[in-house]
Amino acid sequence: MYFGQHRVHNVSRNFAILAVSYIELLLISAVIYLGLGHQFNPRVTGFGDALYLSATTITTLGYGDIRPTCSGVRVLLGFQSLSGIALLGLAITRVLGLIPRPKEALHRNSDRDDEGA
């Protein structure tokens, strides 16, 4: 199955951008959580804990073993969760864009367009 070199290059570039965005969000959030430290939650004692919290939040797993103690951080966690969902949605859209549509479906759709005009 041939997608065309240009299309494959664009898709791989888009995936690279999404992966870098995901990792940036993960690391920046972990640094913020580490900086908040005990104001956030006494259980966040090192970068590993902050990274764990960031990873469980961005993937929306949220085990609940580390919870925020102030409302400002809850907003930050909500933003991180929504950002993770948006990045996952973009990745799924890119994957689905790789699947070629059958020619019959394309012809059927163009016939419907002709009938409606």
N, C-alpha and C. Protein backbone atom coordinates (compact mmCIF):
# COMPACT_ATOMS: atom_id res chain seq x y z
N MET A 1 0.85 -1.16 0.00
CA MET A 1 0.00 0.00 0.00
C MET A 1 0.90 1.23 0.00
N TYR A 2 0.69 2.11 -0.90
CA TYR A 2 1.54 3.28 -1.07
C TYR A 2 0.79 4.53 -0.66
N PHE A 3 1.31 5.24 0.30
CA PHE A 3 0.66 6.46 0.77
C PHE A 3 1.25 7.71 0.12
N GLY A 4 2.39 7.58 -0.47
CA GLY A 4 3.07 8.75 -1.01
C GLY A 4 4.10 9.23 -0.01
N GLN A 5 5.27 9.51 -0.50
CA GLN A 5 6.38 9.89 0.37
C GLN A 5 6.08 11.18 1.12
N HIS A 6 5.46 12.14 0.46
CA HIS A 6 5.16 13.42 1.10
C HIS A 6 4.20 13.23 2.28
N ARG A 7 3.18 12.40 2.09
CA ARG A 7 2.19 12.17 3.14
C ARG A 7 2.81 11.48 4.34
N VAL A 8 3.64 10.47 4.10
CA VAL A 8 4.29 9.76 5.20
C VAL A 8 5.21 10.70 5.96
N HIS A 9 5.92 11.57 5.24
CA HIS A 9 6.81 12.53 5.91
C HIS A 9 6.00 13.47 6.80
N ASN A 10 4.87 13.97 6.30
CA ASN A 10 4.03 14.87 7.10
C ASN A 10 3.49 14.18 8.34
N VAL A 11 3.08 12.93 8.19
CA VAL A 11 2.52 12.18 9.32
C VAL A 11 3.60 11.95 10.37
N SER A 12 4.79 11.53 9.96
CA SER A 12 5.85 11.29 10.92
C SER A 12 6.28 12.59 11.60
N ARG A 13 6.27 13.69 10.88
CA ARG A 13 6.60 14.99 11.47
C ARG A 13 5.53 15.38 12.49
N ASN A 14 4.27 15.15 12.17
CA ASN A 14 3.18 15.47 13.10
C ASN A 14 3.27 14.61 14.36
N PHE A 15 3.59 13.33 14.21
CA PHE A 15 3.74 12.47 15.38
C PHE A 15 4.90 12.92 16.24
N ALA A 16 5.99 13.36 15.62
CA ALA A 16 7.13 13.86 16.38
C ALA A 16 6.74 15.10 17.17
N ILE A 17 5.98 15.99 16.55
CA ILE A 17 5.53 17.20 17.25
C ILE A 17 4.62 16.83 18.42
N LEU A 18 3.71 15.87 18.21
CA LEU A 18 2.81 15.44 19.28
C LEU A 18 3.59 14.80 20.42
N ALA A 19 4.58 13.96 20.09
CA ALA A 19 5.37 13.29 21.12
C ALA A 19 6.17 14.31 21.95
N VAL A 20 6.77 15.28 21.27
CA VAL A 20 7.52 16.31 21.98
C VAL A 20 6.58 17.14 22.86
N SER A 21 5.40 17.47 22.36
CA SER A 21 4.43 18.23 23.15
C SER A 21 4.00 17.46 24.39
N TYR A 22 3.79 16.17 24.23
CA TYR A 22 3.39 15.32 25.36
C TYR A 22 4.48 15.28 26.42
N ILE A 23 5.72 15.08 25.97
CA ILE A 23 6.84 15.00 26.91
C ILE A 23 7.07 16.35 27.59
N GLU A 24 6.95 17.43 26.84
CA GLU A 24 7.08 18.77 27.44
C GLU A 24 6.03 18.99 28.51
N LEU A 25 4.79 18.67 28.21
CA LEU A 25 3.71 18.84 29.18
C LEU A 25 3.98 17.99 30.42
N LEU A 26 4.43 16.77 30.21
CA LEU A 26 4.73 15.86 31.32
C LEU A 26 5.83 16.42 32.21
N LEU A 27 6.94 16.85 31.61
CA LEU A 27 8.08 17.33 32.39
C LEU A 27 7.83 18.69 33.04
N ILE A 28 7.21 19.62 32.31
CA ILE A 28 6.92 20.94 32.87
C ILE A 28 5.97 20.81 34.06
N SER A 29 4.96 19.97 33.92
CA SER A 29 4.02 19.77 35.03
C SER A 29 4.73 19.14 36.22
N ALA A 30 5.62 18.19 35.98
CA ALA A 30 6.35 17.54 37.07
C ALA A 30 7.22 18.57 37.80
N VAL A 31 7.86 19.46 37.07
CA VAL A 31 8.69 20.50 37.71
C VAL A 31 7.82 21.43 38.54
N ILE A 32 6.64 21.78 38.02
CA ILE A 32 5.73 22.65 38.78
C ILE A 32 5.28 21.94 40.06
N TYR A 33 4.91 20.68 39.95
CA TYR A 33 4.47 19.94 41.14
C TYR A 33 5.60 19.80 42.15
N LEU A 34 6.82 19.60 41.65
CA LEU A 34 7.97 19.49 42.55
C LEU A 34 8.23 20.83 43.23
N GLY A 35 8.07 21.93 42.48
CA GLY A 35 8.26 23.25 43.07
C GLY A 35 7.22 23.57 44.13
N LEU A 36 6.01 23.10 43.93
CA LEU A 36 4.96 23.33 44.92
C LEU A 36 5.18 22.47 46.16
N GLY A 37 5.74 21.29 45.94
CA GLY A 37 6.13 20.39 47.03
C GLY A 37 5.09 20.20 48.10
N HIS A 38 5.46 20.57 49.33
CA HIS A 38 4.59 20.31 50.48
C HIS A 38 3.35 21.19 50.49
N GLN A 39 3.39 22.32 49.77
CA GLN A 39 2.17 23.12 49.65
C GLN A 39 1.12 22.35 48.87
N PHE A 40 1.61 21.54 47.95
CA PHE A 40 0.71 20.74 47.10
C PHE A 40 0.23 19.50 47.84
N ASN A 41 1.18 18.71 48.29
CA ASN A 41 0.86 17.48 49.00
C ASN A 41 2.14 16.99 49.65
N PRO A 42 2.09 16.62 50.92
CA PRO A 42 3.31 16.14 51.61
C PRO A 42 3.91 14.88 50.99
N ARG A 43 3.15 14.15 50.20
CA ARG A 43 3.67 12.92 49.61
C ARG A 43 4.58 13.16 48.41
N VAL A 44 4.57 14.38 47.86
CA VAL A 44 5.46 14.71 46.74
C VAL A 44 6.79 15.14 47.33
N THR A 45 7.74 14.21 47.39
CA THR A 45 9.01 14.48 48.06
C THR A 45 10.19 14.56 47.09
N GLY A 46 10.01 14.11 45.85
CA GLY A 46 11.11 14.16 44.89
C GLY A 46 10.58 14.23 43.47
N PHE A 47 11.53 14.31 42.52
CA PHE A 47 11.14 14.42 41.12
C PHE A 47 10.38 13.17 40.66
N GLY A 48 10.73 12.01 41.18
CA GLY A 48 10.03 10.77 40.81
C GLY A 48 8.56 10.82 41.17
N ASP A 49 8.27 11.32 42.37
CA ASP A 49 6.87 11.46 42.79
C ASP A 49 6.13 12.47 41.91
N ALA A 50 6.78 13.57 41.62
CA ALA A 50 6.16 14.60 40.78
C ALA A 50 5.93 14.09 39.36
N LEU A 51 6.89 13.35 38.83
CA LEU A 51 6.74 12.78 37.49
C LEU A 51 5.64 11.72 37.47
N TYR A 52 5.56 10.91 38.51
CA TYR A 52 4.50 9.91 38.64
C TYR A 52 3.13 10.58 38.64
N LEU A 53 2.98 11.65 39.44
CA LEU A 53 1.72 12.38 39.50
C LEU A 53 1.39 12.97 38.13
N SER A 54 2.39 13.54 37.48
CA SER A 54 2.17 14.15 36.17
C SER A 54 1.74 13.10 35.15
N ALA A 55 2.38 11.94 35.17
CA ALA A 55 2.05 10.88 34.22
C ALA A 55 0.65 10.33 34.46
N THR A 56 0.28 10.12 35.71
CA THR A 56 -1.06 9.60 35.99
C THR A 56 -2.15 10.63 35.69
N THR A 57 -1.80 11.90 35.79
CA THR A 57 -2.77 12.95 35.50
C THR A 57 -2.95 13.13 34.00
N ILE A 58 -1.85 13.19 33.25
CA ILE A 58 -1.94 13.44 31.81
C ILE A 58 -2.61 12.28 31.09
N THR A 59 -2.47 11.08 31.62
CA THR A 59 -3.12 9.93 31.00
C THR A 59 -4.52 9.70 31.58
N THR A 60 -4.93 10.54 32.48
CA THR A 60 -6.22 10.51 33.18
C THR A 60 -6.44 9.22 33.96
N LEU A 61 -5.37 8.56 34.37
CA LEU A 61 -5.51 7.38 35.22
C LEU A 61 -5.93 7.80 36.62
N GLY A 62 -5.19 8.73 37.21
CA GLY A 62 -5.54 9.28 38.51
C GLY A 62 -5.83 8.25 39.57
N TYR A 63 -4.82 7.56 40.04
CA TYR A 63 -5.02 6.51 41.05
C TYR A 63 -5.55 7.05 42.36
N GLY A 64 -5.31 8.31 42.66
CA GLY A 64 -5.83 8.92 43.88
C GLY A 64 -4.91 8.81 45.07
N ASP A 65 -3.74 8.21 44.89
CA ASP A 65 -2.83 8.09 46.03
C ASP A 65 -2.13 9.40 46.35
N ILE A 66 -2.02 10.30 45.38
CA ILE A 66 -1.50 11.65 45.61
C ILE A 66 -2.58 12.62 45.14
N ARG A 67 -3.10 13.39 46.08
CA ARG A 67 -4.17 14.34 45.75
C ARG A 67 -3.75 15.74 46.16
N PRO A 68 -4.22 16.74 45.43
CA PRO A 68 -3.88 18.13 45.79
C PRO A 68 -4.61 18.55 47.06
N THR A 69 -3.94 19.41 47.83
CA THR A 69 -4.56 19.91 49.05
C THR A 69 -5.06 21.34 48.89
N CYS A 70 -4.75 21.99 47.76
CA CYS A 70 -5.25 23.36 47.55
C CYS A 70 -5.96 23.44 46.20
N SER A 71 -6.91 24.37 46.10
CA SER A 71 -7.76 24.44 44.91
C SER A 71 -7.03 24.94 43.67
N GLY A 72 -6.00 25.78 43.82
CA GLY A 72 -5.25 26.28 42.67
C GLY A 72 -4.59 25.16 41.89
N VAL A 73 -4.09 24.19 42.61
CA VAL A 73 -3.42 23.06 41.96
C VAL A 73 -4.45 22.16 41.29
N ARG A 74 -5.64 22.09 41.82
CA ARG A 74 -6.70 21.30 41.17
C ARG A 74 -6.99 21.83 39.78
N VAL A 75 -6.96 23.14 39.62
CA VAL A 75 -7.17 23.76 38.31
C VAL A 75 -6.03 23.35 37.37
N LEU A 76 -4.80 23.38 37.89
CA LEU A 76 -3.65 22.97 37.09
C LEU A 76 -3.75 21.51 36.67
N LEU A 77 -4.16 20.66 37.60
CA LEU A 77 -4.35 19.24 37.28
C LEU A 77 -5.44 19.05 36.23
N GLY A 78 -6.51 19.81 36.34
CA GLY A 78 -7.59 19.73 35.35
C GLY A 78 -7.11 20.14 33.98
N PHE A 79 -6.34 21.23 33.93
CA PHE A 79 -5.77 21.68 32.65
C PHE A 79 -4.86 20.60 32.06
N GLN A 80 -4.04 19.99 32.90
CA GLN A 80 -3.14 18.94 32.42
C GLN A 80 -3.93 17.75 31.89
N SER A 81 -4.99 17.36 32.57
CA SER A 81 -5.82 16.24 32.10
C SER A 81 -6.46 16.55 30.75
N LEU A 82 -7.03 17.74 30.63
CA LEU A 82 -7.66 18.12 29.36
C LEU A 82 -6.63 18.21 28.23
N SER A 83 -5.45 18.69 28.55
CA SER A 83 -4.38 18.75 27.54
C SER A 83 -3.98 17.36 27.09
N GLY A 84 -3.89 16.42 28.04
CA GLY A 84 -3.56 15.05 27.69
C GLY A 84 -4.62 14.42 26.80
N ILE A 85 -5.88 14.69 27.09
CA ILE A 85 -6.97 14.17 26.27
C ILE A 85 -6.91 14.76 24.87
N ALA A 86 -6.63 16.06 24.78
CA ALA A 86 -6.55 16.72 23.47
C ALA A 86 -5.39 16.15 22.65
N LEU A 87 -4.24 15.94 23.28
CA LEU A 87 -3.10 15.37 22.55
C LEU A 87 -3.40 13.94 22.09
N LEU A 88 -4.07 13.17 22.92
CA LEU A 88 -4.45 11.81 22.52
C LEU A 88 -5.43 11.86 21.35
N GLY A 89 -6.39 12.78 21.40
CA GLY A 89 -7.34 12.93 20.30
C GLY A 89 -6.65 13.31 19.00
N LEU A 90 -5.67 14.20 19.07
CA LEU A 90 -4.90 14.56 17.87
C LEU A 90 -4.14 13.37 17.32
N ALA A 91 -3.54 12.57 18.21
CA ALA A 91 -2.80 11.40 17.76
C ALA A 91 -3.72 10.39 17.07
N ILE A 92 -4.91 10.16 17.64
CA ILE A 92 -5.86 9.24 17.03
C ILE A 92 -6.32 9.76 15.67
N THR A 93 -6.55 11.06 15.58
CA THR A 93 -6.95 11.67 14.31
C THR A 93 -5.88 11.45 13.25
N ARG A 94 -4.61 11.60 13.63
CA ARG A 94 -3.51 11.39 12.68
C ARG A 94 -3.46 9.93 12.22
N VAL A 95 -3.67 9.01 13.13
CA VAL A 95 -3.65 7.59 12.76
C VAL A 95 -4.81 7.28 11.82
N LEU A 96 -5.99 7.78 12.14
CA LEU A 96 -7.15 7.52 11.28
C LEU A 96 -6.99 8.18 9.91
N GLY A 97 -6.25 9.27 9.85
CA GLY A 97 -5.98 9.92 8.58
C GLY A 97 -5.11 9.09 7.66
N LEU A 98 -4.39 8.13 8.22
CA LEU A 98 -3.54 7.25 7.41
C LEU A 98 -4.33 6.18 6.69
N ILE A 99 -5.52 5.88 7.19
CA ILE A 99 -6.32 4.81 6.61
C ILE A 99 -6.99 5.33 5.34
N PRO A 100 -6.64 4.76 4.21
CA PRO A 100 -7.25 5.24 2.97
C PRO A 100 -8.71 4.80 2.88
N ARG A 101 -9.51 5.64 2.28
CA ARG A 101 -10.91 5.30 2.08
C ARG A 101 -11.04 4.43 0.84
N PRO A 102 -11.93 3.45 0.88
CA PRO A 102 -12.13 2.61 -0.31
C PRO A 102 -12.67 3.45 -1.47
N LYS A 103 -12.27 3.07 -2.67
CA LYS A 103 -12.70 3.83 -3.84
C LYS A 103 -14.21 3.81 -4.01
N GLU A 104 -14.84 2.70 -3.64
CA GLU A 104 -16.29 2.61 -3.78
C GLU A 104 -16.98 3.66 -2.92
N ALA A 105 -16.49 3.85 -1.71
CA ALA A 105 -17.09 4.84 -0.83
C ALA A 105 -16.90 6.24 -1.38
N LEU A 106 -15.76 6.48 -1.99
CA LEU A 106 -15.53 7.79 -2.60
C LEU A 106 -16.49 8.02 -3.75
N HIS A 107 -16.71 6.99 -4.58
CA HIS A 107 -17.63 7.13 -5.70
C HIS A 107 -19.06 7.32 -5.20
N ARG A 108 -19.45 6.57 -4.17
CA ARG A 108 -20.79 6.68 -3.62
C ARG A 108 -21.03 8.09 -3.10
N ASN A 109 -20.04 8.63 -2.40
CA ASN A 109 -20.18 9.98 -1.86
C ASN A 109 -20.26 11.02 -2.98
N SER A 110 -19.49 10.84 -4.04
CA SER A 110 -19.53 11.80 -5.13
C SER A 110 -20.87 11.70 -5.88
N ASP A 111 -21.45 10.48 -5.97
CA ASP A 111 -22.79 10.32 -6.58
C ASP A 111 -23.84 11.06 -5.76
N ARG A 112 -23.75 10.96 -4.44
CA ARG A 112 -24.70 11.65 -3.57
C ARG A 112 -24.57 13.15 -3.73
N ASP A 113 -23.34 13.63 -3.85
CA ASP A 113 -23.13 15.07 -4.04
C ASP A 113 -23.75 15.53 -5.35
N ASP A 114 -23.63 14.71 -6.40
CA ASP A 114 -24.19 15.08 -7.69
C ASP A 114 -25.71 15.13 -7.65
N GLU A 115 -26.32 14.19 -6.88
CA GLU A 115 -27.79 14.14 -6.79
C GLU A 115 -28.31 15.34 -6.01
N GLY A 116 -27.57 15.78 -5.00
CA GLY A 116 -28.03 16.89 -4.17
C GLY A 116 -27.87 18.24 -4.85
N ALA A 117 -27.05 18.31 -5.87
CA ALA A 117 -26.78 19.61 -6.51
C ALA A 117 -27.83 20.01 -7.51
